[in-house]
Amino acid sequence: MDTRNTSVPPHASSAVADGPRHSRANRRPRVRPSAAGLVGVVHDNVRHTTRFTVIGNHLAQHDALSLLAIGLGVHIQSLPPGARVDIKTLAHRFPEGATRIAAALRELEAYGYLRRVRERTPAGRIVTRTISCNQPAAARHDTSPLPDLLRPQERSARTVDATDPDASHATPDTHPEPTRPTPPARPARPTHPTPPARPAPRKKRPLPAVPQPGYPAPDLLQAATDLLTDLRVHDPRLLLSACDTAHLAPGVAAWLERDVPPAAVTHALISDLPPEGPRRPAALLAHRLTAKLPPPPPFRAPAALPPIVHPLQTCDGCDRAFRSPEPGSHCAECRATVPSAAAPLRDRSRTPHPDDL
C-alpha cells in the first residue's frame, strides 16, 4: 500500500487564494508529458558550411503549389547559372513524366518563381531563357531590363560551391516572408525601353517574262486573251485579273503563232496543278508558257502551181477537138493553113476596128 502509482497523471495545482482567478478563455491547453514526444517533427540539424542553397519558407511551405512544383522549384534554385531546365532535361533527370513536369513549371511560372523571356541571338535565332526567382514579391517590383545573364537577385540564388570564398559567410534568411503571395494575373515580363522596329513589308515580285510573238496581230492577241479568260471555266482557281491577262496574252499568242491548237495550249496550262491550288496563278502560267514553249514548225517549201489545163473546144474549120480557153476558134493546123483564121486569133486581144467588121 505504500507504493506510489506512477501511471496516475499529476493533479492540477490549486489556484492561489489571494491571486486573481483565470477565466476559462485564458487557460492554455495542457499537453500530457507522455505524448509530447509523439506530436510534430523533430529536427536533427547540422550547420552547413559548403554546398548549400538558401530557400525561402514562402516556397518550401507554399500552401497553393503542389508538392512536385515545390520540389522542382527547390531543385531549379539549387542549380548553377547556365544549367538546362527544359522539360526534356528534367524528365530525363527525374522519374516524373514530361506532362507532370510541364504542369509543375506552369505552376511556378504562375506564382512568379519562374519567368520565360524570348530573346534573339546574334545569329538571328529566337531562344527562350528561363529565369528562376527566389523572391517573386521583390521581382515583381523590379522592371529594369535584364543584363547579359541574370539580375542580382537571381545571381544571389545560385548554389554555393566549395570554391566560393564567401560560402562560409552565407547565412540563412531570417526575415519573415508572407505566407501566401498573391499570384500575378500573368507572368511578369521585362519591359524594353523601345520596341523593336517591325520589318518593312516585302514588295510583291513582278511576274516572269513571257515569250513574244513574231507578228503581234490584233486578231492573234484577241484569240490569246479569249483563251486565258476561258481558263476559269476549266478551273475556278485560275481566275486572272485584267493586268495579268494583258501580261500573259503575248505568250499565248506565241504558242498560237507556232501552229499549236488552242485546246493543246489550254491542256498545257491547266494540267498537273498542285492539289492545294497555285498561290500565284499568273506566275505559274507565265512560267509554263516559257518553260513549255514548243519549237517553231518545220519549214516547208511552197508547192509548185499545177499546170493550167484548158477545156476542150471544137475547131470551127475541121471540127476536131482541141484545148482552148475560149470557144469559137480554130485549132493550130487550121490557123497555119487558113490565114484568115489566124488573123482574127492574133487580133482577138484588141478591140476590133469598125473597118474590120
Protein backbone atom coordinates (compact mmCIF):
# COMPACT_ATOMS: atom_id res chain seq x y z
CA MET A 1 0.00 0.00 0.00
CA ASP A 2 2.97 2.33 0.37
CA THR A 3 3.94 2.03 -3.35
CA ARG A 4 3.02 5.12 -5.39
CA ASN A 5 1.20 4.57 -8.65
CA THR A 6 3.35 6.34 -11.24
CA SER A 7 0.81 5.98 -14.03
CA VAL A 8 -1.61 8.41 -12.44
CA PRO A 9 -1.39 11.85 -14.11
CA PRO A 10 -0.38 14.74 -11.83
CA HIS A 11 -3.21 16.70 -10.37
CA ALA A 12 -3.80 20.29 -11.36
CA SER A 13 -2.36 22.82 -8.96
CA SER A 14 -4.88 24.77 -6.99
CA ALA A 15 -5.26 28.46 -7.55
CA VAL A 16 -3.70 30.88 -5.12
CA ALA A 17 -6.27 32.10 -2.70
CA ASP A 18 -5.05 35.68 -2.75
CA GLY A 19 -4.36 35.88 -6.54
CA PRO A 20 -6.89 36.59 -9.30
CA ARG A 21 -8.75 33.68 -10.81
CA HIS A 22 -8.04 32.99 -14.51
CA SER A 23 -11.01 32.73 -16.82
CA ARG A 24 -11.61 29.64 -18.98
CA ALA A 25 -10.74 31.61 -22.14
CA ASN A 26 -7.24 32.46 -20.83
CA ARG A 27 -6.36 28.92 -19.92
CA ARG A 28 -3.83 27.16 -22.23
CA PRO A 29 -4.45 23.57 -23.29
CA ARG A 30 -2.29 21.17 -21.35
CA VAL A 31 -0.29 18.51 -23.20
CA ARG A 32 0.40 15.29 -21.45
CA PRO A 33 4.12 14.82 -20.90
CA SER A 34 3.96 11.19 -22.04
CA ALA A 35 2.58 12.15 -25.51
CA ALA A 36 4.66 15.28 -26.06
CA GLY A 37 7.36 13.41 -27.94
CA LEU A 38 4.89 11.89 -30.42
CA VAL A 39 3.46 15.20 -31.80
CA GLY A 40 5.18 17.03 -34.75
CA VAL A 41 8.61 16.64 -36.29
CA VAL A 42 11.93 16.68 -34.51
CA HIS A 43 14.86 18.29 -36.35
CA ASP A 44 18.38 16.95 -36.12
CA ASN A 45 20.17 19.87 -37.76
CA VAL A 46 23.86 20.20 -38.57
CA ARG A 47 25.15 23.56 -39.77
CA HIS A 48 26.08 23.62 -43.48
CA THR A 49 29.45 25.10 -44.37
CA THR A 50 29.74 24.12 -48.06
CA ARG A 51 27.43 23.28 -50.98
CA PHE A 52 24.14 24.62 -49.67
CA THR A 53 21.36 26.78 -51.04
CA VAL A 54 19.16 29.24 -49.14
CA ILE A 55 15.47 28.53 -49.85
CA GLY A 56 12.72 30.77 -48.55
CA ASN A 57 9.86 29.35 -46.50
CA HIS A 58 7.43 31.03 -48.85
CA LEU A 59 8.45 28.39 -51.39
CA ALA A 60 9.16 25.41 -49.15
CA GLN A 61 5.87 25.89 -47.23
CA HIS A 62 3.73 27.28 -50.05
CA ASP A 63 0.10 26.38 -49.41
CA ALA A 64 -1.05 26.62 -53.08
CA LEU A 65 1.73 24.92 -55.02
CA SER A 66 1.77 21.18 -55.47
CA LEU A 67 4.48 19.09 -53.87
CA LEU A 68 6.02 18.40 -57.29
CA ALA A 69 6.12 22.14 -58.06
CA ILE A 70 7.74 22.94 -54.70
CA GLY A 71 10.38 20.24 -55.18
CA LEU A 72 11.03 21.31 -58.74
CA GLY A 73 11.36 24.95 -57.66
CA VAL A 74 13.88 23.99 -54.95
CA HIS A 75 15.83 21.92 -57.48
CA ILE A 76 15.96 24.75 -60.02
CA GLN A 77 17.13 27.27 -57.42
CA SER A 78 19.95 24.92 -56.43
CA LEU A 79 21.30 24.66 -59.99
CA PRO A 80 24.26 26.77 -61.13
CA PRO A 81 23.70 29.55 -63.70
CA GLY A 82 23.54 28.24 -67.24
CA ALA A 83 22.12 24.81 -66.35
CA ARG A 84 19.43 23.44 -68.68
CA VAL A 85 15.96 23.36 -67.13
CA ASP A 86 13.86 22.47 -70.15
CA ILE A 87 11.16 19.80 -69.93
CA LYS A 88 13.17 17.16 -71.79
CA THR A 89 16.20 17.55 -69.50
CA LEU A 90 14.10 17.47 -66.30
CA ALA A 91 12.12 14.45 -67.49
CA HIS A 92 15.39 12.61 -68.13
CA ARG A 93 16.65 13.57 -64.65
CA PHE A 94 13.54 12.68 -62.59
CA PRO A 95 11.12 9.74 -62.79
CA GLU A 96 8.11 12.01 -63.38
CA GLY A 97 6.96 12.29 -66.97
CA ALA A 98 7.09 15.31 -69.23
CA THR A 99 3.39 16.10 -68.70
CA ARG A 100 3.68 16.41 -64.90
CA ILE A 101 6.91 18.38 -65.13
CA ALA A 102 5.34 20.78 -67.62
CA ALA A 103 2.36 21.31 -65.29
CA ALA A 104 4.72 21.99 -62.35
CA LEU A 105 6.67 24.54 -64.41
CA ARG A 106 3.43 26.33 -65.26
CA GLU A 107 2.56 26.49 -61.55
CA LEU A 108 5.93 28.04 -60.72
CA GLU A 109 5.53 30.49 -63.57
CA ALA A 110 2.02 31.48 -62.43
CA TYR A 111 3.28 32.32 -58.90
CA GLY A 112 6.35 34.19 -60.12
CA TYR A 113 9.07 31.67 -59.28
CA LEU A 114 9.92 31.26 -62.98
CA ARG A 115 9.97 33.71 -65.88
CA ARG A 116 10.41 32.83 -69.51
CA VAL A 117 11.85 35.52 -71.79
CA ARG A 118 12.21 35.16 -75.57
CA GLU A 119 15.35 36.78 -76.95
CA ARG A 120 17.10 36.94 -80.30
CA THR A 121 20.67 35.68 -80.55
CA PRO A 122 23.33 37.44 -82.66
CA ALA A 123 22.86 34.66 -85.23
CA GLY A 124 19.19 35.63 -85.63
CA ARG A 125 17.61 32.67 -83.79
CA ILE A 126 14.80 33.10 -81.24
CA VAL A 127 15.59 31.35 -77.92
CA THR A 128 13.66 31.09 -74.66
CA ARG A 129 15.57 31.95 -71.48
CA THR A 130 14.25 30.63 -68.14
CA ILE A 131 14.87 32.86 -65.08
CA SER A 132 14.48 31.48 -61.54
CA CYS A 133 13.29 33.98 -58.89
CA ASN A 134 13.98 33.23 -55.25
CA GLN A 135 11.77 36.16 -54.11
CA PRO A 136 8.84 36.71 -56.52
CA ALA A 137 7.43 39.60 -54.47
CA ALA A 138 10.64 41.61 -54.94
CA ALA A 139 10.99 40.60 -58.60
CA ARG A 140 7.53 41.99 -59.44
CA HIS A 141 8.61 45.49 -58.41
CA ASP A 142 11.85 45.35 -60.39
CA THR A 143 11.17 46.24 -64.03
CA SER A 144 14.74 47.12 -65.06
CA PRO A 145 15.99 45.43 -68.26
CA LEU A 146 17.98 42.23 -67.83
CA PRO A 147 21.78 42.26 -68.11
CA ASP A 148 23.74 39.64 -70.04
CA LEU A 149 22.62 36.63 -67.99
CA LEU A 150 20.75 37.33 -64.72
CA ARG A 151 19.80 40.13 -62.37
CA PRO A 152 21.42 40.40 -58.91
CA GLN A 153 18.52 38.71 -57.12
CA GLU A 154 18.78 35.71 -59.46
CA ARG A 155 22.54 35.56 -59.03
CA SER A 156 22.07 35.53 -55.25
CA ALA A 157 20.05 32.32 -55.54
CA ARG A 158 22.85 30.30 -57.16
CA THR A 159 24.29 27.23 -55.48
CA VAL A 160 27.18 27.94 -53.10
CA ASP A 161 30.15 25.77 -54.04
CA ALA A 162 33.21 24.84 -52.07
CA THR A 163 35.35 27.04 -54.33
CA ASP A 164 33.28 30.14 -53.43
CA PRO A 165 35.25 32.22 -50.89
CA ASP A 166 32.01 33.65 -49.44
CA ALA A 167 30.46 30.23 -48.77
CA SER A 168 31.49 30.16 -45.11
CA HIS A 169 29.84 33.55 -44.50
CA ALA A 170 26.47 32.60 -46.04
CA THR A 171 23.66 32.98 -43.54
CA PRO A 172 20.07 31.88 -43.93
CA ASP A 173 17.38 34.47 -44.41
CA THR A 174 15.71 35.20 -41.06
CA HIS A 175 13.25 37.82 -42.26
CA PRO A 176 9.63 36.66 -42.21
CA GLU A 177 8.03 36.08 -45.59
CA PRO A 178 4.36 36.37 -46.50
CA THR A 179 2.55 33.07 -46.10
CA ARG A 180 0.83 33.26 -49.48
CA PRO A 181 1.84 35.80 -52.10
CA THR A 182 -0.88 36.98 -54.38
CA PRO A 183 -0.41 35.24 -57.75
CA PRO A 184 0.01 37.66 -60.65
CA ALA A 185 -2.60 37.76 -63.37
CA ARG A 186 0.08 36.90 -65.92
CA PRO A 187 3.82 36.23 -65.68
CA ALA A 188 5.89 39.36 -65.34
CA ARG A 189 7.94 40.18 -68.40
CA PRO A 190 10.81 42.61 -68.70
CA THR A 191 9.86 45.87 -70.33
CA HIS A 192 12.03 47.17 -73.13
CA PRO A 193 12.71 50.89 -73.47
CA THR A 194 11.90 50.93 -77.16
CA PRO A 195 10.03 48.20 -79.03
CA PRO A 196 11.93 46.65 -81.92
CA ALA A 197 11.08 48.12 -85.28
CA ARG A 198 8.97 45.89 -87.46
CA PRO A 199 10.49 44.95 -90.79
CA ALA A 200 9.06 46.67 -93.84
CA PRO A 201 6.54 44.57 -95.77
CA ARG A 202 8.02 42.75 -98.70
CA LYS A 203 7.08 44.05 -102.12
CA LYS A 204 5.24 41.73 -104.46
CA ARG A 205 7.59 40.28 -107.03
CA PRO A 206 6.77 41.05 -110.67
CA LEU A 207 5.53 38.33 -112.97
CA PRO A 208 8.10 36.40 -115.02
CA ALA A 209 8.59 37.41 -118.64
CA VAL A 210 6.66 35.53 -121.32
CA PRO A 211 7.55 34.76 -124.97
CA GLN A 212 6.65 37.37 -127.55
CA PRO A 213 5.11 36.59 -130.95
CA GLY A 214 6.92 37.48 -134.18
CA TYR A 215 3.89 39.29 -135.63
CA PRO A 216 1.54 40.52 -132.84
CA ALA A 217 -1.55 40.86 -135.00
CA PRO A 218 -4.68 42.18 -133.23
CA ASP A 219 -6.67 39.07 -134.13
CA LEU A 220 -3.95 36.82 -132.70
CA LEU A 221 -3.80 38.76 -129.40
CA GLN A 222 -7.59 38.71 -129.12
CA ALA A 223 -7.63 34.92 -129.57
CA ALA A 224 -4.95 34.60 -126.83
CA THR A 225 -6.96 36.83 -124.47
CA ASP A 226 -10.10 34.76 -125.03
CA LEU A 227 -8.14 31.57 -124.28
CA LEU A 228 -6.84 32.98 -120.96
CA THR A 229 -10.32 34.18 -120.00
CA ASP A 230 -11.78 30.71 -120.56
CA LEU A 231 -9.28 29.08 -118.15
CA ARG A 232 -11.55 29.85 -115.18
CA VAL A 233 -14.21 27.67 -116.79
CA HIS A 234 -11.89 24.66 -116.56
CA ASP A 235 -10.52 25.54 -113.08
CA PRO A 236 -12.04 28.33 -110.89
CA ARG A 237 -8.65 28.83 -109.21
CA LEU A 238 -7.25 30.24 -112.47
CA LEU A 239 -9.26 33.46 -112.29
CA LEU A 240 -6.92 36.14 -113.70
CA SER A 241 -7.09 39.89 -113.41
CA ALA A 242 -7.08 42.24 -116.39
CA CYS A 243 -3.43 43.21 -115.80
CA ASP A 244 -2.33 39.57 -115.56
CA THR A 245 -4.27 38.68 -118.71
CA ALA A 246 -2.65 41.54 -120.65
CA HIS A 247 0.79 40.36 -119.46
CA LEU A 248 0.18 36.71 -120.45
CA ALA A 249 -1.60 37.29 -123.78
CA PRO A 250 1.62 37.73 -125.87
CA GLY A 251 2.93 34.42 -124.52
CA VAL A 252 -0.22 32.58 -125.60
CA ALA A 253 -0.05 34.35 -128.98
CA ALA A 254 3.49 32.99 -129.43
CA TRP A 255 2.09 29.46 -128.98
CA LEU A 256 -0.76 30.03 -131.41
CA GLU A 257 1.70 31.51 -133.91
CA ARG A 258 3.54 28.20 -133.93
CA ASP A 259 0.50 26.30 -135.18
CA VAL A 260 -0.42 24.93 -131.73
CA PRO A 261 -4.19 24.30 -131.42
CA PRO A 262 -5.97 26.29 -128.67
CA ALA A 263 -7.05 23.04 -126.95
CA ALA A 264 -3.40 21.95 -126.70
CA VAL A 265 -2.42 25.33 -125.17
CA THR A 266 -5.19 25.04 -122.58
CA HIS A 267 -4.15 21.49 -121.64
CA ALA A 268 -0.52 22.54 -121.21
CA LEU A 269 -1.51 25.39 -118.86
CA ILE A 270 -4.03 23.63 -116.58
CA SER A 271 -2.62 20.09 -116.36
CA ASP A 272 -0.86 18.81 -113.19
CA LEU A 273 -1.78 21.73 -110.93
CA PRO A 274 -0.92 21.36 -107.20
CA PRO A 275 -3.78 19.94 -105.08
CA GLU A 276 -3.93 22.99 -102.79
CA GLY A 277 -4.03 25.31 -105.79
CA PRO A 278 -1.40 27.76 -107.06
CA ARG A 279 -0.61 30.65 -104.74
CA ARG A 280 0.02 32.98 -107.69
CA PRO A 281 -1.82 31.62 -110.75
CA ALA A 282 -0.44 34.28 -113.08
CA ALA A 283 3.17 33.50 -112.12
CA LEU A 284 2.59 29.77 -112.63
CA LEU A 285 1.07 30.33 -116.09
CA ALA A 286 3.92 32.66 -117.08
CA HIS A 287 6.45 30.01 -116.08
CA ARG A 288 4.65 27.31 -118.05
CA LEU A 289 4.32 29.50 -121.14
CA THR A 290 8.10 29.97 -121.10
CA ALA A 291 9.23 26.51 -119.98
CA LYS A 292 6.90 24.50 -122.26
CA LEU A 293 7.13 26.68 -125.36
CA PRO A 294 7.18 24.32 -128.40
CA PRO A 295 9.68 24.83 -131.24
CA PRO A 296 8.60 26.54 -134.45
CA PRO A 297 7.02 24.31 -137.11
CA PRO A 298 9.45 22.92 -139.74
CA PHE A 299 9.96 24.96 -142.92
CA ARG A 300 8.06 23.64 -145.92
CA ALA A 301 8.81 24.91 -149.41
CA PRO A 302 5.73 26.16 -151.25
CA ALA A 303 4.32 23.57 -153.62
CA ALA A 304 4.57 24.22 -157.40
CA LEU A 305 1.45 25.56 -159.08
CA PRO A 306 -0.44 22.90 -161.02
CA PRO A 307 -0.35 23.31 -164.84
CA ILE A 308 -3.24 25.14 -166.43
CA VAL A 309 -5.47 22.74 -168.38
CA HIS A 310 -7.91 24.46 -170.74
CA PRO A 311 -11.23 22.86 -171.58
CA LEU A 312 -11.78 21.05 -174.85
CA GLN A 313 -13.14 23.15 -177.73
CA THR A 314 -14.37 22.25 -181.27
CA CYS A 315 -12.43 23.72 -184.17
CA ASP A 316 -14.61 25.78 -186.49
CA GLY A 317 -12.60 24.67 -189.52
CA CYS A 318 -12.10 20.90 -189.13
CA ASP A 319 -14.46 20.06 -186.27
CA ARG A 320 -11.66 18.46 -184.31
CA ALA A 321 -11.37 18.84 -180.54
CA PHE A 322 -8.57 20.92 -179.11
CA ARG A 323 -7.95 22.76 -175.81
CA SER A 324 -8.51 26.45 -175.78
CA PRO A 325 -9.60 28.99 -173.14
CA GLU A 326 -12.43 30.30 -175.31
CA PRO A 327 -14.81 28.56 -177.73
CA GLY A 328 -15.32 29.56 -181.42
CA SER A 329 -11.67 29.37 -182.53
CA HIS A 330 -9.54 27.21 -184.81
CA CYS A 331 -7.01 24.60 -183.94
CA ALA A 332 -3.32 25.05 -184.60
CA GLU A 333 -3.38 23.31 -188.01
CA CYS A 334 -6.30 25.38 -189.29
CA ARG A 335 -4.64 28.57 -188.16
CA ALA A 336 -1.48 27.61 -190.07
CA THR A 337 -3.31 26.79 -193.35
CA VAL A 338 -6.05 29.40 -193.26
CA PRO A 339 -4.59 32.91 -192.91
CA SER A 340 -7.98 34.43 -192.33
CA ALA A 341 -8.43 32.20 -189.30
CA ALA A 342 -5.09 33.17 -187.84
CA ALA A 343 -5.53 36.89 -188.17
CA PRO A 344 -8.64 37.20 -186.03
CA LEU A 345 -6.96 34.97 -183.45
CA ARG A 346 -3.97 37.30 -183.26
CA ASP A 347 -6.18 40.35 -183.08
CA ARG A 348 -8.59 38.83 -180.60
CA SER A 349 -6.82 40.52 -177.70
CA ARG A 350 -7.51 44.04 -179.01
CA THR A 351 -10.79 45.85 -179.63
CA PRO A 352 -11.90 45.37 -183.30
CA HIS A 353 -11.84 48.46 -185.52
CA PRO A 354 -15.10 49.45 -187.37
CA ASP A 355 -13.35 48.97 -190.75
CA ASP A 356 -12.54 45.33 -189.89
CA LEU A 357 -16.19 44.41 -189.49
